[in-house]
């Protein structure tokens, strides 16, 4: 079994107590934070790159308070994962024991996509600057 398979597809193996479910999620938080942070840095770098490209290069200032707020909100949303899993297990029973990995996979993919979303907008802004050269 590969590390990716273990990370994304292995459900809670212990008796599904509240502690076991929370421990399962917390054991994956560091990888989540690292991946989302890396994609956020990639987005910041791409935004800076597109901002300084001609024509009409712009001064680059990064919104560090917004970056910090995004990191805090991403972790708050991640913390909803174990709560959702515990709620689903309580309401619909243990036949939904594999819901944790499903929630993790979808939440992980959404967070990575959201972190990369500024890149196409920065490229679009640069493209608009180029088009304006020919229109004006």
N, C-alpha and C. Protein backbone atom coordinates (compact mmCIF):
# COMPACT_ATOMS: atom_id res chain seq x y z
N UNK A 1 0.84 -1.18 0.00
CA UNK A 1 0.00 0.00 0.00
C UNK A 1 0.89 1.24 0.00
N UNK A 2 0.63 2.15 -0.93
CA UNK A 2 1.45 3.36 -1.03
C UNK A 2 1.06 4.36 0.05
N UNK A 3 1.94 5.34 0.25
CA UNK A 3 1.67 6.37 1.25
C UNK A 3 0.43 7.19 0.87
N UNK A 4 0.24 7.43 -0.41
CA UNK A 4 -0.94 8.19 -0.85
C UNK A 4 -2.21 7.40 -0.55
N UNK A 5 -2.19 6.11 -0.81
CA UNK A 5 -3.35 5.27 -0.52
C UNK A 5 -3.63 5.25 0.98
N UNK A 6 -2.60 5.10 1.79
CA UNK A 6 -2.79 5.11 3.24
C UNK A 6 -3.36 6.44 3.71
N UNK A 7 -2.86 7.53 3.14
CA UNK A 7 -3.28 8.86 3.57
C UNK A 7 -4.74 9.14 3.21
N UNK A 8 -5.12 8.84 1.97
CA UNK A 8 -6.43 9.24 1.47
C UNK A 8 -7.52 8.18 1.55
N UNK A 9 -7.17 6.91 1.74
CA UNK A 9 -8.18 5.87 1.63
C UNK A 9 -8.34 4.99 2.86
N UNK A 10 -7.45 5.09 3.84
CA UNK A 10 -7.54 4.24 5.02
C UNK A 10 -8.50 4.84 6.03
N UNK A 11 -9.59 4.16 6.34
CA UNK A 11 -10.51 4.69 7.35
C UNK A 11 -9.96 4.48 8.76
N UNK A 12 -10.67 4.99 9.74
CA UNK A 12 -10.28 4.79 11.14
C UNK A 12 -10.29 3.29 11.40
N UNK A 13 -9.15 2.76 11.83
CA UNK A 13 -9.03 1.31 12.03
C UNK A 13 -9.41 0.88 13.44
N UNK A 14 -9.30 1.80 14.38
CA UNK A 14 -9.64 1.47 15.75
C UNK A 14 -11.16 1.48 15.92
N UNK A 15 -11.59 1.16 17.13
CA UNK A 15 -12.99 1.33 17.45
C UNK A 15 -13.31 2.81 17.26
N UNK A 16 -14.36 3.12 16.51
CA UNK A 16 -14.61 4.52 16.14
C UNK A 16 -15.10 5.39 17.31
N UNK A 17 -14.22 5.61 18.25
CA UNK A 17 -14.54 6.52 19.34
C UNK A 17 -14.29 7.95 18.86
N UNK A 18 -14.77 8.90 19.62
CA UNK A 18 -14.53 10.31 19.29
C UNK A 18 -13.03 10.57 19.22
N UNK A 19 -12.28 10.04 20.18
CA UNK A 19 -10.84 10.25 20.21
C UNK A 19 -10.17 9.63 18.99
N UNK A 20 -10.58 8.44 18.57
CA UNK A 20 -9.97 7.78 17.42
C UNK A 20 -10.22 8.56 16.13
N UNK A 21 -11.43 9.08 15.97
CA UNK A 21 -11.75 9.85 14.77
C UNK A 21 -10.95 11.14 14.74
N UNK A 22 -10.90 11.86 15.85
CA UNK A 22 -10.14 13.11 15.90
C UNK A 22 -8.66 12.84 15.69
N UNK A 23 -8.14 11.78 16.29
CA UNK A 23 -6.73 11.42 16.10
C UNK A 23 -6.43 11.10 14.64
N UNK A 24 -7.35 10.42 13.96
CA UNK A 24 -7.16 10.09 12.54
C UNK A 24 -7.04 11.37 11.73
N UNK A 25 -7.91 12.34 11.97
CA UNK A 25 -7.87 13.60 11.24
C UNK A 25 -6.62 14.41 11.59
N UNK A 26 -6.29 14.48 12.86
CA UNK A 26 -5.14 15.29 13.27
C UNK A 26 -3.83 14.71 12.77
N UNK A 27 -3.77 13.40 12.57
CA UNK A 27 -2.54 12.79 12.05
C UNK A 27 -2.31 13.20 10.59
N UNK A 28 -3.30 13.75 9.93
CA UNK A 28 -3.18 14.17 8.53
C UNK A 28 -3.12 15.69 8.36
N UNK A 29 -3.28 16.43 9.43
CA UNK A 29 -3.33 17.89 9.33
C UNK A 29 -2.03 18.49 8.81
N UNK A 30 -0.88 17.98 9.24
CA UNK A 30 0.40 18.56 8.82
C UNK A 30 0.59 18.44 7.31
N UNK A 31 0.23 17.31 6.73
CA UNK A 31 0.35 17.14 5.29
C UNK A 31 -0.61 18.10 4.58
N UNK A 32 -1.81 18.22 5.10
CA UNK A 32 -2.79 19.15 4.54
C UNK A 32 -2.25 20.58 4.57
N UNK A 33 -1.77 21.01 5.73
CA UNK A 33 -1.24 22.37 5.86
C UNK A 33 -0.06 22.61 4.94
N UNK A 34 0.82 21.64 4.82
CA UNK A 34 1.99 21.78 3.95
C UNK A 34 1.56 21.91 2.49
N UNK A 35 0.63 21.07 2.05
CA UNK A 35 0.19 21.11 0.66
C UNK A 35 -0.55 22.41 0.34
N UNK A 36 -1.47 22.81 1.22
CA UNK A 36 -2.22 24.04 0.98
C UNK A 36 -1.27 25.25 1.04
N UNK A 37 -0.35 25.25 1.98
CA UNK A 37 0.61 26.35 2.08
C UNK A 37 1.52 26.43 0.86
N UNK A 38 1.97 25.29 0.37
CA UNK A 38 2.83 25.27 -0.82
C UNK A 38 2.08 25.79 -2.04
N UNK A 39 0.83 25.40 -2.18
CA UNK A 39 0.05 25.89 -3.31
C UNK A 39 -0.26 27.38 -3.16
N UNK A 40 -0.43 27.84 -1.94
CA UNK A 40 -0.61 29.27 -1.70
C UNK A 40 0.63 30.06 -2.08
N UNK A 41 1.81 29.54 -1.72
CA UNK A 41 3.05 30.22 -2.10
C UNK A 41 3.25 30.22 -3.62
N UNK A 42 2.88 29.11 -4.25
CA UNK A 42 2.95 29.05 -5.71
C UNK A 42 2.03 30.11 -6.33
N UNK A 43 0.84 30.27 -5.77
CA UNK A 43 -0.09 31.29 -6.27
C UNK A 43 0.47 32.69 -6.07
N UNK A 44 1.05 32.95 -4.92
CA UNK A 44 1.65 34.27 -4.67
C UNK A 44 2.78 34.55 -5.66
N UNK A 45 3.60 33.53 -5.91
CA UNK A 45 4.71 33.70 -6.85
C UNK A 45 4.18 33.97 -8.26
N UNK A 46 3.16 33.24 -8.66
CA UNK A 46 2.59 33.44 -10.00
C UNK A 46 1.94 34.81 -10.11
N UNK A 47 1.25 35.25 -9.07
CA UNK A 47 0.64 36.57 -9.09
C UNK A 47 1.72 37.66 -9.22
N UNK A 48 2.81 37.49 -8.48
CA UNK A 48 3.92 38.43 -8.59
C UNK A 48 4.55 38.42 -9.96
N UNK A 49 4.70 37.23 -10.54
CA UNK A 49 5.28 37.09 -11.87
C UNK A 49 4.42 37.81 -12.91
N UNK A 50 3.11 37.55 -12.91
CA UNK A 50 2.24 38.19 -13.88
C UNK A 50 2.13 39.70 -13.66
N UNK A 51 2.28 40.14 -12.42
CA UNK A 51 2.19 41.58 -12.13
C UNK A 51 3.37 42.35 -12.70
N UNK A 52 4.55 41.75 -12.72
CA UNK A 52 5.73 42.49 -13.19
C UNK A 52 5.99 42.32 -14.68
N UNK A 53 5.21 41.49 -15.35
CA UNK A 53 5.38 41.33 -16.80
C UNK A 53 4.90 42.58 -17.53
N UNK A 54 5.62 42.97 -18.59
CA UNK A 54 5.13 44.08 -19.39
C UNK A 54 3.89 43.64 -20.18
N UNK A 55 3.07 44.46 -20.61
CA UNK A 55 3.12 45.93 -20.52
C UNK A 55 2.53 46.43 -19.22
N UNK A 56 2.91 47.62 -18.86
CA UNK A 56 2.39 48.30 -17.67
C UNK A 56 2.60 47.45 -16.41
N UNK A 57 3.83 47.11 -16.15
CA UNK A 57 4.14 46.33 -14.95
C UNK A 57 3.67 47.09 -13.72
N UNK A 58 3.23 46.34 -12.73
CA UNK A 58 2.69 46.92 -11.51
C UNK A 58 3.64 46.67 -10.36
N UNK A 59 3.53 47.51 -9.34
CA UNK A 59 4.27 47.24 -8.10
C UNK A 59 3.63 46.06 -7.40
N UNK A 60 4.47 45.18 -6.87
CA UNK A 60 3.97 43.99 -6.22
C UNK A 60 3.95 44.20 -4.71
N UNK A 61 2.78 44.13 -4.15
CA UNK A 61 2.63 44.12 -2.69
C UNK A 61 1.73 42.94 -2.36
N UNK A 62 2.17 42.12 -1.47
CA UNK A 62 1.40 40.93 -1.12
C UNK A 62 0.54 41.21 0.10
N UNK A 63 -0.69 40.76 0.06
CA UNK A 63 -1.62 41.00 1.17
C UNK A 63 -1.40 39.98 2.30
N UNK A 64 -0.34 40.19 3.07
CA UNK A 64 -0.01 39.22 4.11
C UNK A 64 -1.11 39.00 5.14
N UNK A 65 -1.87 40.03 5.54
CA UNK A 65 -2.99 39.75 6.46
C UNK A 65 -4.03 38.80 5.83
N UNK A 66 -4.28 38.95 4.54
CA UNK A 66 -5.22 38.06 3.86
C UNK A 66 -4.67 36.64 3.77
N UNK A 67 -3.37 36.53 3.56
CA UNK A 67 -2.74 35.20 3.50
C UNK A 67 -2.86 34.50 4.85
N UNK A 68 -2.60 35.24 5.92
CA UNK A 68 -2.74 34.68 7.27
C UNK A 68 -4.18 34.29 7.56
N UNK A 69 -5.12 35.15 7.18
CA UNK A 69 -6.54 34.85 7.40
C UNK A 69 -6.95 33.61 6.62
N UNK A 70 -6.44 33.46 5.39
CA UNK A 70 -6.76 32.28 4.59
C UNK A 70 -6.26 31.00 5.27
N UNK A 71 -5.05 31.05 5.81
CA UNK A 71 -4.50 29.89 6.51
C UNK A 71 -5.32 29.52 7.74
N UNK A 72 -5.75 30.52 8.49
CA UNK A 72 -6.57 30.26 9.68
C UNK A 72 -7.92 29.68 9.27
N UNK A 73 -8.54 30.27 8.25
CA UNK A 73 -9.85 29.76 7.80
C UNK A 73 -9.74 28.36 7.21
N UNK A 74 -8.66 28.08 6.51
CA UNK A 74 -8.47 26.73 5.96
C UNK A 74 -8.39 25.70 7.10
N UNK A 75 -7.72 26.05 8.18
CA UNK A 75 -7.63 25.13 9.30
C UNK A 75 -8.94 25.01 10.05
N UNK A 76 -9.69 26.09 10.13
CA UNK A 76 -11.02 26.00 10.75
C UNK A 76 -11.93 25.09 9.93
N UNK A 77 -11.88 25.22 8.62
CA UNK A 77 -12.68 24.35 7.76
C UNK A 77 -12.21 22.90 7.87
N UNK A 78 -10.91 22.68 7.98
CA UNK A 78 -10.39 21.33 8.15
C UNK A 78 -10.93 20.72 9.45
N UNK A 79 -11.06 21.55 10.47
CA UNK A 79 -11.56 21.07 11.76
C UNK A 79 -13.02 20.65 11.70
N UNK A 80 -13.74 21.06 10.68
CA UNK A 80 -15.12 20.61 10.51
C UNK A 80 -15.18 19.16 10.01
N UNK A 81 -14.09 18.66 9.46
CA UNK A 81 -14.06 17.28 8.95
C UNK A 81 -14.39 16.25 10.01
N UNK A 82 -13.67 16.24 11.14
CA UNK A 82 -14.01 15.24 12.15
C UNK A 82 -15.40 15.45 12.74
N UNK A 83 -15.83 16.69 12.85
CA UNK A 83 -17.18 16.95 13.37
C UNK A 83 -18.23 16.38 12.42
N UNK A 84 -18.03 16.59 11.12
CA UNK A 84 -18.96 16.05 10.13
C UNK A 84 -18.95 14.53 10.15
N UNK A 85 -17.76 13.95 10.26
CA UNK A 85 -17.68 12.48 10.30
C UNK A 85 -18.39 11.93 11.53
N UNK A 86 -18.16 12.52 12.68
CA UNK A 86 -18.81 12.04 13.90
C UNK A 86 -20.32 12.20 13.81
N UNK A 87 -20.78 13.30 13.24
CA UNK A 87 -22.21 13.53 13.07
C UNK A 87 -22.81 12.47 12.15
N UNK A 88 -22.18 12.21 11.01
CA UNK A 88 -22.69 11.23 10.05
C UNK A 88 -22.71 9.83 10.67
N UNK A 89 -21.66 9.48 11.39
CA UNK A 89 -21.62 8.17 12.04
C UNK A 89 -22.73 8.04 13.07
N UNK A 90 -22.99 9.13 13.78
CA UNK A 90 -24.02 9.07 14.83
C UNK A 90 -25.42 8.96 14.22
N UNK A 91 -25.67 9.70 13.16
CA UNK A 91 -27.00 9.72 12.56
C UNK A 91 -27.26 8.47 11.74
N UNK A 92 -26.32 8.07 10.89
CA UNK A 92 -26.55 6.97 9.97
C UNK A 92 -25.84 5.67 10.34
N UNK A 93 -25.09 5.67 11.40
CA UNK A 93 -24.50 4.43 11.88
C UNK A 93 -23.13 4.12 11.29
N UNK A 94 -22.60 2.99 11.70
CA UNK A 94 -21.24 2.59 11.33
C UNK A 94 -21.10 2.12 9.90
N UNK A 95 -22.19 1.94 9.19
CA UNK A 95 -22.05 1.56 7.78
C UNK A 95 -21.44 2.70 6.97
N UNK A 96 -21.42 3.89 7.55
CA UNK A 96 -20.78 5.05 6.93
C UNK A 96 -19.39 5.28 7.52
N UNK A 97 -18.73 4.23 7.96
CA UNK A 97 -17.42 4.34 8.56
C UNK A 97 -16.33 4.81 7.63
N UNK A 98 -16.56 4.71 6.32
CA UNK A 98 -15.55 5.16 5.35
C UNK A 98 -15.76 6.61 4.95
N UNK A 99 -16.64 7.31 5.62
CA UNK A 99 -16.93 8.70 5.24
C UNK A 99 -15.73 9.62 5.51
N UNK A 100 -14.93 9.32 6.50
CA UNK A 100 -13.77 10.16 6.82
C UNK A 100 -12.82 10.33 5.65
N UNK A 101 -12.35 9.25 5.04
CA UNK A 101 -11.47 9.39 3.88
C UNK A 101 -12.13 10.12 2.71
N UNK A 102 -13.43 9.91 2.54
CA UNK A 102 -14.14 10.61 1.45
C UNK A 102 -14.15 12.10 1.71
N UNK A 103 -14.50 12.50 2.93
CA UNK A 103 -14.50 13.92 3.29
C UNK A 103 -13.11 14.52 3.14
N UNK A 104 -12.10 13.78 3.56
CA UNK A 104 -10.72 14.27 3.45
C UNK A 104 -10.33 14.49 2.00
N UNK A 105 -10.62 13.53 1.13
CA UNK A 105 -10.24 13.65 -0.29
C UNK A 105 -10.92 14.86 -0.94
N UNK A 106 -12.20 14.99 -0.74
CA UNK A 106 -12.91 16.12 -1.37
C UNK A 106 -12.48 17.45 -0.77
N UNK A 107 -12.32 17.52 0.53
CA UNK A 107 -11.87 18.75 1.16
C UNK A 107 -10.46 19.13 0.75
N UNK A 108 -9.59 18.13 0.64
CA UNK A 108 -8.21 18.37 0.21
C UNK A 108 -8.19 18.92 -1.21
N UNK A 109 -8.93 18.27 -2.11
CA UNK A 109 -8.96 18.72 -3.50
C UNK A 109 -9.54 20.13 -3.61
N UNK A 110 -10.60 20.41 -2.86
CA UNK A 110 -11.20 21.74 -2.89
C UNK A 110 -10.22 22.79 -2.37
N UNK A 111 -9.52 22.48 -1.29
CA UNK A 111 -8.57 23.44 -0.71
C UNK A 111 -7.41 23.72 -1.65
N UNK A 112 -6.90 22.69 -2.31
CA UNK A 112 -5.81 22.89 -3.26
C UNK A 112 -6.30 23.74 -4.44
N UNK A 113 -7.48 23.42 -4.96
CA UNK A 113 -8.03 24.19 -6.06
C UNK A 113 -8.28 25.64 -5.67
N UNK A 114 -8.79 25.86 -4.49
CA UNK A 114 -9.03 27.23 -4.02
C UNK A 114 -7.72 27.99 -3.84
N UNK A 115 -6.70 27.30 -3.39
CA UNK A 115 -5.39 27.94 -3.21
C UNK A 115 -4.75 28.31 -4.55
N UNK A 116 -5.04 27.56 -5.58
CA UNK A 116 -4.48 27.83 -6.91
C UNK A 116 -5.34 28.77 -7.75
N UNK A 117 -6.52 29.10 -7.29
CA UNK A 117 -7.45 29.93 -8.06
C UNK A 117 -6.91 31.30 -8.45
N UNK A 118 -6.08 31.96 -7.65
CA UNK A 118 -5.57 33.26 -8.10
C UNK A 118 -4.71 33.22 -9.35
N UNK A 119 -4.12 32.08 -9.68
CA UNK A 119 -3.23 32.01 -10.84
C UNK A 119 -3.96 32.32 -12.15
N UNK A 120 -5.09 31.69 -12.45
CA UNK A 120 -5.74 32.05 -13.72
C UNK A 120 -6.25 33.49 -13.73
N UNK A 121 -6.62 34.02 -12.59
CA UNK A 121 -7.05 35.42 -12.55
C UNK A 121 -5.89 36.37 -12.81
N UNK A 122 -4.71 36.04 -12.28
CA UNK A 122 -3.53 36.86 -12.54
C UNK A 122 -3.15 36.79 -14.02
N UNK A 123 -3.23 35.59 -14.60
CA UNK A 123 -2.93 35.44 -16.04
C UNK A 123 -3.96 36.20 -16.88
N UNK A 124 -5.21 36.15 -16.47
CA UNK A 124 -6.25 36.88 -17.18
C UNK A 124 -6.01 38.39 -17.12
N UNK A 125 -5.61 38.89 -15.96
CA UNK A 125 -5.30 40.30 -15.82
C UNK A 125 -4.17 40.73 -16.73
N UNK A 126 -3.14 39.89 -16.83
CA UNK A 126 -2.03 40.18 -17.74
C UNK A 126 -2.51 40.17 -19.19
N UNK A 127 -3.35 39.18 -19.53
CA UNK A 127 -3.90 39.12 -20.88
C UNK A 127 -4.72 40.36 -21.21
N UNK A 128 -5.47 40.86 -20.27
CA UNK A 128 -6.26 42.08 -20.48
C UNK A 128 -5.34 43.27 -20.73
N UNK A 129 -4.23 43.33 -20.00
CA UNK A 129 -3.27 44.42 -20.23
C UNK A 129 -2.70 44.36 -21.65
N UNK A 130 -2.45 43.17 -22.15
CA UNK A 130 -1.94 43.02 -23.52
C UNK A 130 -3.00 43.44 -24.53
N UNK A 131 -4.23 43.02 -24.33
CA UNK A 131 -5.31 43.37 -25.26
C UNK A 131 -5.51 44.87 -25.30
N UNK A 132 -5.38 45.54 -24.16
CA UNK A 132 -5.54 47.00 -24.10
C UNK A 132 -4.51 47.73 -24.95
N UNK A 133 -3.35 47.12 -25.14
CA UNK A 133 -2.34 47.73 -26.01
C UNK A 133 -2.87 47.89 -27.42
N UNK A 134 -3.63 46.94 -27.89
CA UNK A 134 -4.11 46.95 -29.26
C UNK A 134 -5.41 47.71 -29.42
N UNK A 135 -6.15 47.88 -28.34
CA UNK A 135 -7.42 48.58 -28.40
C UNK A 135 -7.22 50.09 -28.32
N UNK A 136 -6.30 50.53 -27.48
CA UNK A 136 -6.11 51.97 -27.27
C UNK A 136 -5.25 52.57 -28.30
